[in-house]
Amino acid sequence: MFFASDNSGPAHPKVMEALMRANEGYRFGYGADAEMDRVRDMIRELFEAPEAAVYLVSTGTAANSIALATLAEPWQTIFCTKLSHINEDECNAPEFYSGAKLTLVGDENAKMTPTTLRAAIEDEETRGVHGPQRGPVSITQVTEKGTVYTQGELKALTAVAKEFGLTTHLDGARFANAIVSLGCTPAEMTWKAGIDCVCFGGTKNGLMGVEAVIFFDPKHAWEFELRRKRGAHLSSKHRYLSAQMEAYLTDDLWLELATSANAAGQRLAEGLLGSNAVTFPYEPEANLMFFDAPRGVHKKLQAAGAEYYVMGSLEGGDDDLVTGRLVCDWSVGSDGVDEFLAALKA
């Protein structure tokens, strides 16, 4: 019963098999491997973007930070919500790599809105040379609270950004989970909605550790390559990144794994909704959810072997409400969910 994070699950066997194949013989390094050529073509086809610039790095933090550094000048500010991944979970890495600052945009249901984004943008460039200039907008999809931006919401946000001549970056660590939730295509959730750059995540969805950075305008390609190298994220034995991504894309494994994770998440959410002791502060729309329950319920679940994050101390009165976070990865399956729900009812 492990629901702490989708980072904690195993890599899929097909990914491990691909790594073993990649380990045979010799390849050119630094992204010149034949596997990367195939990955680039596969991603361009998947996103319906034949001119897209495609790169791989080993971590989500590197993907987001180097991508944003490519889109932002050091004197600019990056617009994101307080709850965005780049603000909550990356230890100022986007600021470190870009030199820019983050401007926090108001949110509703963990999502920025056209109104809150416009207000934040209009508040900048009001002090001339003394203040930061407007830079890219960054959207986390799925949000850190488990909600999902619809295609309409994405289009409305990118429309505001374009009014001010700004680019938009999509942090897609759980990109596949959002696609399954919305039932749309990768193109529809990205460039067709006005997104300029997307980080297409794999580590949380069955890969050992690789993320793709995709620029729909190839003019950003060379700068990203230089920043990736300067930032120490150009892998010499790049074939091991390529092999993972190639396995991920082959026969839509990425969709299969996200479908499994989302199905487990929805099964879990439905079971929790059946308990009078549990409420949701945010509507669970993918494989990640938060729930409020009496401290005694959390104690009981964890005593039964459930592992997940509790946002507060387990010391204190059993009736006090405490928030927990549950995340389903591709491998959890219905058995793990049912075991958790049985412990809840016990």
Protein backbone atom coordinates (compact mmCIF):
# COMPACT_ATOMS: atom_id res chain seq x y z
CA MET A 1 0.00 0.00 0.00
CA PHE A 2 2.49 2.60 -1.17
CA PHE A 3 0.90 5.91 -2.12
CA ALA A 4 3.63 8.35 -1.17
CA SER A 5 4.69 9.30 -4.71
CA ASP A 6 4.66 8.15 -8.32
CA ASN A 7 8.43 8.69 -8.16
CA SER A 8 8.63 5.72 -5.81
CA GLY A 9 7.30 2.98 -8.08
CA PRO A 10 9.39 0.67 -10.24
CA ALA A 11 10.44 1.25 -13.82
CA HIS A 12 8.35 -0.77 -16.26
CA PRO A 13 9.89 -4.10 -17.42
CA LYS A 14 9.85 -2.96 -21.06
CA VAL A 15 11.97 0.02 -20.06
CA MET A 16 14.46 -2.20 -18.28
CA GLU A 17 14.61 -4.48 -21.32
CA ALA A 18 15.31 -1.47 -23.53
CA LEU A 19 18.15 -0.43 -21.23
CA MET A 20 19.68 -3.87 -21.47
CA ARG A 21 19.54 -3.70 -25.27
CA ALA A 22 21.11 -0.25 -25.21
CA ASN A 23 23.93 -1.63 -23.10
CA GLU A 24 25.10 -3.86 -25.94
CA GLY A 25 28.01 -2.64 -28.03
CA TYR A 26 28.94 0.97 -28.72
CA ARG A 27 27.13 4.21 -29.55
CA PHE A 28 28.17 7.79 -30.20
CA GLY A 29 27.68 9.91 -27.10
CA TYR A 30 26.02 13.20 -26.19
CA GLY A 31 22.77 12.54 -28.06
CA ALA A 32 24.27 11.35 -31.34
CA ASP A 33 22.99 7.79 -30.75
CA ALA A 34 20.64 6.15 -33.24
CA GLU A 35 18.02 5.69 -30.52
CA MET A 36 17.79 9.46 -30.10
CA ASP A 37 17.21 9.89 -33.83
CA ARG A 38 14.23 7.56 -33.55
CA VAL A 39 12.97 9.25 -30.37
CA ARG A 40 13.08 12.66 -32.04
CA ASP A 41 11.01 11.38 -34.96
CA MET A 42 8.55 9.61 -32.64
CA ILE A 43 7.98 12.72 -30.52
CA ARG A 44 7.55 14.94 -33.57
CA GLU A 45 4.96 12.52 -34.91
CA LEU A 46 3.20 12.18 -31.55
CA PHE A 47 2.94 15.96 -31.15
CA GLU A 48 2.17 16.59 -34.84
CA ALA A 49 5.12 18.97 -34.87
CA PRO A 50 7.62 18.03 -37.60
CA GLU A 51 9.92 21.00 -36.93
CA ALA A 52 9.99 20.71 -33.12
CA ALA A 53 13.34 20.73 -31.33
CA VAL A 54 13.49 17.71 -28.97
CA TYR A 55 15.97 17.09 -26.15
CA LEU A 56 16.32 14.69 -23.22
CA VAL A 57 17.56 15.28 -19.68
CA SER A 58 17.55 13.01 -16.67
CA THR A 59 15.46 15.02 -14.19
CA GLY A 60 12.32 17.12 -14.18
CA THR A 61 14.06 19.94 -12.36
CA ALA A 62 16.68 20.14 -15.13
CA ALA A 63 13.99 20.03 -17.81
CA ASN A 64 11.96 22.87 -16.30
CA SER A 65 14.90 25.00 -15.25
CA ILE A 66 16.91 24.85 -18.46
CA ALA A 67 13.79 25.28 -20.59
CA LEU A 68 12.75 28.37 -18.63
CA ALA A 69 16.30 29.73 -18.75
CA THR A 70 16.06 29.46 -22.53
CA LEU A 71 12.77 31.37 -22.59
CA ALA A 72 13.60 34.01 -19.94
CA GLU A 73 16.22 36.74 -19.71
CA PRO A 74 17.90 37.35 -16.33
CA TRP A 75 16.13 40.70 -15.95
CA GLN A 76 12.69 39.15 -16.47
CA THR A 77 10.18 37.45 -14.21
CA ILE A 78 8.48 34.08 -14.73
CA PHE A 79 4.76 33.97 -13.96
CA CYS A 80 3.53 30.90 -12.07
CA THR A 81 1.19 30.08 -9.19
CA LYS A 82 2.31 29.70 -5.60
CA LEU A 83 1.35 26.02 -5.90
CA SER A 84 3.31 25.45 -9.11
CA HIS A 85 5.98 22.76 -9.09
CA ILE A 86 8.70 25.26 -10.00
CA ASN A 87 7.84 27.32 -6.91
CA GLU A 88 7.07 24.56 -4.41
CA ASP A 89 9.53 21.82 -5.22
CA GLU A 90 12.64 22.94 -7.10
CA CYS A 91 14.74 24.75 -4.49
CA ASN A 92 15.03 27.91 -6.63
CA ALA A 93 16.58 25.93 -9.51
CA PRO A 94 14.58 27.86 -12.16
CA GLU A 95 15.90 31.11 -10.69
CA PHE A 96 19.43 29.66 -10.47
CA TYR A 97 19.54 28.56 -14.11
CA SER A 98 17.70 31.55 -15.59
CA GLY A 99 18.73 34.42 -13.33
CA ALA A 100 15.08 35.51 -13.46
CA LYS A 101 12.67 35.77 -10.54
CA LEU A 102 9.29 34.12 -10.03
CA THR A 103 6.12 36.20 -9.80
CA LEU A 104 3.37 34.29 -8.02
CA VAL A 105 -0.04 34.42 -9.70
CA GLY A 106 -3.29 33.95 -7.78
CA ASP A 107 -5.03 30.61 -8.21
CA GLU A 108 -8.45 28.99 -8.02
CA ASN A 109 -8.60 25.24 -7.40
CA ALA A 110 -4.79 25.27 -7.69
CA LYS A 111 -4.96 26.77 -11.21
CA MET A 112 -4.16 30.28 -12.43
CA THR A 113 -6.98 32.01 -14.26
CA PRO A 114 -6.93 34.57 -17.08
CA THR A 115 -7.98 37.22 -14.57
CA THR A 116 -5.24 36.44 -12.03
CA LEU A 117 -2.62 36.08 -14.76
CA ARG A 118 -3.56 39.39 -16.39
CA ALA A 119 -3.41 41.17 -13.03
CA ALA A 120 0.05 39.77 -12.31
CA ILE A 121 1.38 40.68 -15.76
CA GLU A 122 -0.05 44.21 -15.62
CA ASP A 123 1.59 44.73 -12.22
CA GLU A 124 5.03 44.25 -13.75
CA GLU A 125 6.97 46.63 -16.03
CA THR A 126 5.54 49.47 -13.96
CA ARG A 127 8.89 50.63 -12.53
CA GLY A 128 10.91 50.95 -15.72
CA VAL A 129 14.54 49.94 -15.39
CA HIS A 130 14.13 49.52 -11.62
CA GLY A 131 11.82 46.50 -11.80
CA PRO A 132 11.74 43.12 -13.52
CA GLN A 133 10.52 42.88 -17.08
CA ARG A 134 7.77 40.49 -18.12
CA GLY A 135 8.88 36.96 -19.00
CA PRO A 136 7.36 33.55 -19.71
CA VAL A 137 4.28 32.00 -18.13
CA SER A 138 4.74 28.55 -16.57
CA ILE A 139 1.79 26.17 -16.08
CA THR A 140 1.95 22.93 -14.07
CA GLN A 141 -0.16 20.17 -15.64
CA VAL A 142 -1.34 18.09 -13.66
CA THR A 143 -1.27 20.68 -10.84
CA GLU A 144 0.47 19.91 -7.57
CA LYS A 145 -2.97 19.49 -5.99
CA GLY A 146 -4.21 16.93 -8.51
CA THR A 147 -6.43 19.18 -10.62
CA VAL A 148 -6.18 19.40 -14.42
CA TYR A 149 -6.33 22.44 -16.72
CA THR A 150 -8.86 21.88 -19.51
CA GLN A 151 -7.94 22.69 -23.10
CA GLY A 152 -10.17 25.76 -22.89
CA GLU A 153 -8.42 26.96 -19.74
CA LEU A 154 -5.01 26.51 -21.36
CA LYS A 155 -6.10 28.44 -24.47
CA ALA A 156 -7.45 31.27 -22.33
CA LEU A 157 -4.17 31.56 -20.42
CA THR A 158 -1.94 31.45 -23.50
CA ALA A 159 -4.17 34.07 -25.14
CA VAL A 160 -3.45 36.43 -22.25
CA ALA A 161 0.27 35.67 -22.45
CA LYS A 162 0.33 36.36 -26.19
CA GLU A 163 -1.45 39.69 -25.69
CA PHE A 164 1.69 40.80 -23.87
CA GLY A 165 4.10 39.04 -26.24
CA LEU A 166 5.01 36.35 -23.69
CA THR A 167 5.81 32.68 -24.24
CA THR A 168 4.21 29.84 -22.27
CA HIS A 169 5.95 26.81 -20.74
CA LEU A 170 4.06 23.68 -19.70
CA ASP A 171 5.55 21.69 -16.83
CA GLY A 172 4.32 18.22 -17.79
CA ALA A 173 5.88 15.97 -15.17
CA ARG A 174 2.47 14.23 -15.17
CA PHE A 175 1.75 15.10 -18.79
CA ALA A 176 0.47 11.60 -19.63
CA ASN A 177 -1.92 11.59 -16.67
CA ALA A 178 -3.40 14.89 -17.87
CA ILE A 179 -3.82 13.54 -21.42
CA VAL A 180 -5.71 10.51 -20.09
CA SER A 181 -7.86 12.72 -17.86
CA LEU A 182 -8.79 15.08 -20.71
CA GLY A 183 -9.01 12.49 -23.47
CA CYS A 184 -7.20 14.76 -25.94
CA THR A 185 -4.05 14.50 -28.04
CA PRO A 186 -0.61 15.84 -27.07
CA ALA A 187 -0.88 18.45 -29.83
CA GLU A 188 -4.27 19.61 -28.55
CA MET A 189 -2.89 20.11 -25.04
CA THR A 190 0.22 21.92 -26.19
CA TRP A 191 0.89 23.95 -29.35
CA LYS A 192 -2.70 23.87 -30.54
CA ALA A 193 -3.60 25.45 -27.19
CA GLY A 194 -0.84 28.05 -27.57
CA ILE A 195 1.94 26.37 -25.56
CA ASP A 196 5.47 27.20 -26.78
CA CYS A 197 7.51 24.68 -24.80
CA VAL A 198 6.57 21.51 -22.93
CA CYS A 199 8.47 19.25 -20.57
CA PHE A 200 7.11 15.80 -21.41
CA GLY A 201 7.61 13.75 -18.26
CA GLY A 202 8.43 10.07 -17.98
CA THR A 203 10.08 9.54 -14.60
CA LYS A 204 6.78 9.64 -12.67
CA ASN A 205 5.18 7.31 -15.23
CA GLY A 206 7.34 4.19 -15.36
CA LEU A 207 10.75 5.39 -16.57
CA MET A 208 13.95 5.11 -14.56
CA GLY A 209 14.73 8.78 -15.10
CA VAL A 210 14.27 10.80 -18.28
CA GLU A 211 12.26 13.83 -19.38
CA ALA A 212 11.85 15.32 -22.84
CA VAL A 213 12.02 19.07 -23.50
CA ILE A 214 10.15 20.10 -26.65
CA PHE A 215 10.30 23.53 -28.27
CA PHE A 216 7.70 23.98 -30.99
CA ASP A 217 9.72 26.87 -32.43
CA PRO A 218 13.18 25.45 -33.29
CA LYS A 219 14.77 28.90 -32.95
CA HIS A 220 15.33 28.01 -29.27
CA ALA A 221 17.27 24.84 -30.08
CA TRP A 222 20.88 26.06 -30.04
CA GLU A 223 20.49 28.14 -26.90
CA PHE A 224 18.93 25.17 -25.08
CA GLU A 225 21.80 22.94 -26.20
CA LEU A 226 24.35 25.41 -24.86
CA ARG A 227 22.49 25.87 -21.59
CA ARG A 228 22.06 22.11 -21.14
CA LYS A 229 25.82 21.61 -21.55
CA ARG A 230 26.77 24.59 -19.38
CA GLY A 231 24.29 23.42 -16.76
CA ALA A 232 25.93 19.95 -16.59
CA HIS A 233 22.92 18.08 -17.95
CA LEU A 234 24.25 16.85 -21.31
CA SER A 235 24.65 13.12 -20.67
CA SER A 236 27.71 11.54 -22.25
CA LYS A 237 26.12 8.07 -22.31
CA HIS A 238 22.96 9.56 -23.70
CA ARG A 239 21.81 6.26 -25.21
CA TYR A 240 20.45 5.19 -21.81
CA LEU A 241 18.12 8.19 -21.79
CA SER A 242 17.10 7.58 -25.40
CA ALA A 243 16.43 3.90 -24.81
CA GLN A 244 14.01 4.65 -21.99
CA MET A 245 12.11 7.23 -24.01
CA GLU A 246 11.97 4.99 -27.06
CA ALA A 247 10.43 2.19 -24.99
CA TYR A 248 8.02 4.69 -23.42
CA LEU A 249 6.75 5.82 -26.82
CA THR A 250 6.64 2.39 -28.48
CA ASP A 251 3.10 0.97 -28.75
CA ASP A 252 1.82 3.86 -26.59
CA LEU A 253 3.30 2.45 -23.37
CA TRP A 254 3.22 5.99 -21.94
CA LEU A 255 -0.57 6.07 -22.33
CA GLU A 256 -1.02 2.55 -20.98
CA LEU A 257 0.90 3.38 -17.80
CA ALA A 258 -0.90 6.70 -17.22
CA THR A 259 -4.27 5.02 -17.81
CA SER A 260 -3.41 2.45 -15.13
CA ALA A 261 -2.30 5.13 -12.66
CA ASN A 262 -5.37 7.30 -13.28
CA ALA A 263 -7.73 4.32 -12.99
CA ALA A 264 -6.21 3.44 -9.62
CA GLY A 265 -6.51 7.07 -8.57
CA GLN A 266 -10.17 7.27 -9.51
CA ARG A 267 -10.92 3.94 -7.80
CA LEU A 268 -9.21 5.27 -4.70
CA ALA A 269 -11.07 8.59 -4.84
CA GLU A 270 -14.45 6.87 -5.22
CA GLY A 271 -13.70 4.64 -2.24
CA LEU A 272 -12.66 7.60 -0.10
CA LEU A 273 -15.80 9.47 -1.08
CA GLY A 274 -17.80 6.58 0.37
CA SER A 275 -16.36 7.28 3.80
CA ASN A 276 -18.14 9.88 5.95
CA ALA A 277 -14.83 10.67 7.62
CA VAL A 278 -13.11 11.94 4.46
CA THR A 279 -13.42 15.13 2.40
CA PHE A 280 -11.41 16.47 -0.55
CA PRO A 281 -10.04 20.04 -0.51
CA TYR A 282 -9.42 19.73 -4.27
CA GLU A 283 -11.32 17.70 -6.84
CA PRO A 284 -9.16 14.65 -7.74
CA GLU A 285 -8.88 14.55 -11.53
CA ALA A 286 -5.89 12.30 -12.25
CA ASN A 287 -3.66 10.08 -10.10
CA LEU A 288 -2.90 12.54 -7.30
CA MET A 289 -5.22 13.67 -4.51
CA PHE A 290 -5.36 15.31 -1.10
CA PHE A 291 -7.85 14.27 1.54
CA ASP A 292 -8.85 15.59 4.95
CA ALA A 293 -9.58 13.01 7.65
CA PRO A 294 -9.47 12.79 11.44
CA ARG A 295 -5.99 12.13 12.79
CA GLY A 296 -7.23 8.82 14.15
CA VAL A 297 -8.05 7.65 10.62
CA HIS A 298 -4.51 8.43 9.45
CA LYS A 299 -3.09 6.56 12.45
CA LYS A 300 -5.24 3.53 11.64
CA LEU A 301 -4.27 3.54 7.96
CA GLN A 302 -0.58 3.84 8.64
CA ALA A 303 -0.71 1.17 11.34
CA ALA A 304 -2.25 -1.13 8.71
CA GLY A 305 0.77 -0.53 6.44
CA ALA A 306 -0.41 2.32 4.21
CA GLU A 307 2.49 4.61 3.28
CA TYR A 308 1.70 8.18 2.21
CA TYR A 309 2.47 11.73 3.26
CA VAL A 310 0.55 13.33 6.12
CA MET A 311 0.66 17.14 6.10
CA GLY A 312 0.94 17.53 9.84
CA SER A 313 1.81 15.67 13.00
CA LEU A 314 0.18 12.39 13.99
CA GLU A 315 0.61 13.47 17.61
CA GLY A 316 -2.56 14.94 19.10
CA GLY A 317 -6.29 14.37 19.34
CA ASP A 318 -7.73 11.67 17.11
CA ASP A 319 -10.67 13.84 16.06
CA ASP A 320 -8.61 16.73 14.67
CA LEU A 321 -8.69 16.98 10.86
CA VAL A 322 -5.35 16.40 9.15
CA THR A 323 -4.58 16.44 5.41
CA GLY A 324 -2.99 13.48 3.63
CA ARG A 325 -1.65 13.15 0.08
CA LEU A 326 -2.11 10.02 -2.01
CA VAL A 327 -0.46 9.34 -5.38
CA CYS A 328 -1.01 6.27 -7.54
CA ASP A 329 1.72 5.12 -9.88
CA TRP A 330 1.29 2.72 -12.82
CA SER A 331 2.07 -0.35 -10.73
CA VAL A 332 -0.35 0.11 -7.83
CA GLY A 333 -3.28 -1.71 -9.44
CA SER A 334 -6.70 -2.42 -7.97
CA ASP A 335 -5.37 -4.80 -5.32
CA GLY A 336 -3.31 -2.10 -3.61
CA VAL A 337 -6.23 0.31 -3.73
CA ASP A 338 -8.68 -2.26 -2.36
CA GLU A 339 -6.30 -3.10 0.47
CA PHE A 340 -6.13 0.58 1.41
CA LEU A 341 -9.91 0.97 1.30
CA ALA A 342 -10.39 -2.17 3.37
CA ALA A 343 -8.05 -0.70 6.01
CA LEU A 344 -10.11 2.51 5.93
CA LYS A 345 -13.32 0.57 6.62
CA ALA A 346 -11.83 -1.73 9.27
